C-alpha atoms as a PDB file:
ATOM      1  CA  MET A   1       0.001   0.018   0.038  1.00  0.00           C
ATOM      2  CA  VAL A   2       3.024   2.069   0.503  1.00  0.00           C
ATOM      3  CA  GLU A   3       4.168   2.296  -2.703  1.00  0.00           C
ATOM      4  CA  LYS A   4       1.247   2.945  -4.435  1.00  0.00           C
ATOM      5  CA  ALA A   5       0.178   4.902  -2.586  1.00  0.00           C
ATOM      6  CA  LYS A   6       3.751   6.810  -3.102  1.00  0.00           C
ATOM      7  CA  GLN A   7       3.480   6.107  -6.924  1.00  0.00           C
ATOM      8  CA  MET A   8       0.337   8.259  -7.341  1.00  0.00           C
ATOM      9  CA  ILE A   9       2.439  10.965  -5.748  1.00  0.00           C
ATOM     10  CA  LYS A  10       5.450  10.818  -8.064  1.00  0.00           C
ATOM     11  CA  GLU A  11       2.814  10.775 -11.421  1.00  0.00           C
ATOM     12  CA  GLY A  12       1.133  13.425 -10.286  1.00  0.00           C
ATOM     13  CA  ARG A  13      -2.490  12.402  -9.350  1.00  0.00           C
ATOM     14  CA  VAL A  14      -3.176  13.830  -6.073  1.00  0.00           C
ATOM     15  CA  LYS A  15      -3.933  17.634  -6.225  1.00  0.00           C
ATOM     16  CA  ARG A  16      -4.945  19.620  -3.636  1.00  0.00           C
ATOM     17  CA  LEU A  17      -8.030  21.570  -3.835  1.00  0.00           C
ATOM     18  CA  ASP A  18      -8.123  23.403  -0.316  1.00  0.00           C
ATOM     19  CA  ARG A  19      -6.555  23.256   3.396  1.00  0.00           C
ATOM     20  CA  PHE A  20      -8.592  19.706   4.107  1.00  0.00           C
ATOM     21  CA  THR A  21      -9.296  18.467   0.672  1.00  0.00           C
ATOM     22  CA  TYR A  22      -7.836  16.056  -2.015  1.00  0.00           C
ATOM     23  CA  GLN A  23      -8.372  14.887  -4.983  1.00  0.00           C
ATOM     24  CA  VAL A  24      -6.482  11.425  -5.937  1.00  0.00           C
ATOM     25  CA  VAL A  25      -6.619   9.325  -9.408  1.00  0.00           C
ATOM     26  CA  GLY A  26      -5.840   5.977  -8.034  1.00  0.00           C
ATOM     27  CA  ASP A  27      -6.515   3.049 -10.657  1.00  0.00           C
ATOM     28  CA  HIS A  28     -10.003   2.495 -10.625  1.00  0.00           C
ATOM     29  CA  GLY A  29     -11.265   5.538  -9.753  1.00  0.00           C
ATOM     30  CA  THR A  30     -11.242   9.474  -8.870  1.00  0.00           C
ATOM     31  CA  TYR A  31     -11.689  10.011  -4.838  1.00  0.00           C
ATOM     32  CA  ILE A  32     -12.313  12.973  -2.840  1.00  0.00           C
ATOM     33  CA  VAL A  33      -9.645  12.772   0.269  1.00  0.00           C
ATOM     34  CA  ILE A  34     -10.926  14.657   3.699  1.00  0.00           C
ATOM     35  CA  LYS A  35      -8.145  14.799   6.596  1.00  0.00           C
ATOM     36  CA  GLY A  36     -11.310  15.830   9.279  1.00  0.00           C
ATOM     37  CA  THR A  37     -10.596  18.872  12.172  1.00  0.00           C
ATOM     38  CA  ASP A  38     -10.211  15.688  14.235  1.00  0.00           C
ATOM     39  CA  GLY A  39      -7.300  14.876  12.225  1.00  0.00           C
ATOM     40  CA  ALA A  40      -8.463  11.903  10.561  1.00  0.00           C
ATOM     41  CA  TYR A  41      -8.960  10.940   6.915  1.00  0.00           C
ATOM     42  CA  HIS A  42     -11.342   9.733   4.794  1.00  0.00           C
ATOM     43  CA  CYS A  43     -11.851   8.914   1.001  1.00  0.00           C
ATOM     44  CA  GLY A  44     -15.049   7.465  -0.599  1.00  0.00           C
ATOM     45  CA  CYS A  45     -12.786   4.526  -1.852  1.00  0.00           C
ATOM     46  CA  GLN A  46     -14.696   1.058  -1.919  1.00  0.00           C
ATOM     47  CA  GLY A  47     -11.654   0.139   0.027  1.00  0.00           C
ATOM     48  CA  PHE A  48     -11.794   2.717   2.690  1.00  0.00           C
ATOM     49  CA  THR A  49     -15.364   1.835   3.381  1.00  0.00           C
ATOM     50  CA  THR A  50     -14.064  -1.502   3.446  1.00  0.00           C
ATOM     51  CA  ARG A  51     -11.160  -1.787   5.595  1.00  0.00           C
ATOM     52  CA  GLY A  52     -10.981   1.696   7.470  1.00  0.00           C
ATOM     53  CA  PHE A  53      -7.873   2.998   5.395  1.00  0.00           C
ATOM     54  CA  CYS A  54      -6.164   3.105   2.083  1.00  0.00           C
ATOM     55  CA  SER A  55      -3.894   4.444  -0.222  1.00  0.00           C
ATOM     56  CA  HIS A  56      -4.850   7.585  -1.303  1.00  0.00           C
ATOM     57  CA  ALA A  57      -5.096   8.402   1.675  1.00  0.00           C
ATOM     58  CA  LEU A  58      -2.713   7.118   3.035  1.00  0.00           C
ATOM     59  CA  ALA A  59      -1.034   9.163   0.152  1.00  0.00           C
ATOM     60  CA  VAL A  60      -2.406  12.568   1.119  1.00  0.00           C
ATOM     61  CA  TYR A  61      -1.066  11.843   4.520  1.00  0.00           C
ATOM     62  CA  LEU A  62       3.012  11.572   2.899  1.00  0.00           C
ATOM     63  CA  ILE A  63       2.320  14.761   1.344  1.00  0.00           C
ATOM     64  CA  GLU A  64       0.902  16.622   3.901  1.00  0.00           C
ATOM     65  CA  LYS A  65       3.669  14.751   6.481  1.00  0.00           C
ATOM     66  CA  LYS A  66       6.119  16.018   4.308  1.00  0.00           C
ATOM     67  CA  ARG A  67       4.307  19.845   3.667  1.00  0.00           C
ATOM     68  CA  ALA A  68       4.587  20.424   7.692  1.00  0.00           C
ATOM     69  CA  ARG A  69       7.776  20.280   7.320  1.00  0.00           C
ATOM     70  CA  LYS A  70       7.781  23.452   5.142  1.00  0.00           C
ATOM     71  CA  PRO A  71       6.176  25.530   7.143  1.00  0.00           C
ATOM     72  CA  GLU A  72       6.768  28.148   4.130  1.00  0.00           C
ATOM     73  CA  GLU A  73       4.475  26.973   1.794  1.00  0.00           C
ATOM     74  CA  LYS A  74       1.459  28.765   0.753  1.00  0.00           C
ATOM     75  CA  GLU A  75      -2.178  27.295   1.395  1.00  0.00           C
ATOM     76  CA  GLU A  76      -3.628  28.176  -1.942  1.00  0.00           C
ATOM     77  CA  THR A  77      -5.097  25.179  -4.098  1.00  0.00           C
ATOM     78  CA  GLU A  78      -2.487  24.066  -5.868  1.00  0.00           C
ATOM     79  CA  GLU A  79      -1.344  20.562  -8.237  1.00  0.00           C
ATOM     80  CA  LEU A  80       1.296  19.164  -6.446  1.00  0.00           C
ATOM     81  CA  PRO A  81       3.806  18.610  -9.325  1.00  0.00           C
ATOM     82  CA  ALA A  82       4.973  14.940  -9.928  1.00  0.00           C
ATOM     83  CA  GLU A  83       8.506  15.942  -9.591  1.00  0.00           C
ATOM     84  CA  THR A  84       8.315  17.987  -6.267  1.00  0.00           C
ATOM     85  CA  GLN A  85       6.932  14.371  -4.278  1.00  0.00           C
ATOM     86  CA  LYS A  86       9.734  12.209  -3.966  1.00  0.00           C
ATOM     87  CA  GLU A  87       9.204  10.702  -0.241  1.00  0.00           C
ATOM     88  CA  GLU A  88      12.048   9.213   2.639  1.00  0.00           C
ATOM     89  CA  GLU A  89      11.636   6.047   2.489  1.00  0.00           C
ATOM     90  CA  LEU A  90       9.412   4.695   5.604  1.00  0.00           C
ATOM     91  CA  GLY A  91      10.016   1.767   7.629  1.00  0.00           C
ATOM     92  CA  PRO A  92       7.464  -0.920   9.130  1.00  0.00           C
ATOM     93  CA  LYS A  93       7.764   1.631  11.958  1.00  0.00           C
ATOM     94  CA  ASP A  94       6.338   4.486  10.068  1.00  0.00           C
ATOM     95  CA  ILE A  95       3.438   3.162   9.015  1.00  0.00           C
ATOM     96  CA  LEU A  96       2.207   1.219  11.660  1.00  0.00           C
ATOM     97  CA  GLN A  97       2.342   4.525  13.771  1.00  0.00           C
ATOM     98  CA  PHE A  98       0.772   5.934  11.355  1.00  0.00           C
ATOM     99  CA  LEU A  99      -2.499   3.280  11.273  1.00  0.00           C
ATOM    100  CA  GLU A 100      -2.064   3.762  14.996  1.00  0.00           C
ATOM    101  CA  ASP A 101      -3.025   7.197  14.770  1.00  0.00           C
ATOM    102  CA  GLU A 102      -4.880   7.716  12.100  1.00  0.00           C
ATOM    103  CA  TRP A 103      -7.412   5.113  11.906  1.00  0.00           C
END
């Protein structure tokens, strides 16, 4: 799932619509991912409905994690170009922490 999320980011398939809303083009459709006021991510895909997590929400989480380290970036709507989406490698502990924190 992590590799799939990273691939969507690298291919530029994640578009920020506003402060809490992203459009993610997945392998089976285009989905809206929203970060709730409680900090939890929500996606409209079947996988999220079934499991409570998905690669679309994970892709948004990875982007937001990177953005949090760059506070000088603008808050306006923007497309996230593929060439700027190089994420650091996440280990199993990072993934487990993400799942515990968010889901």
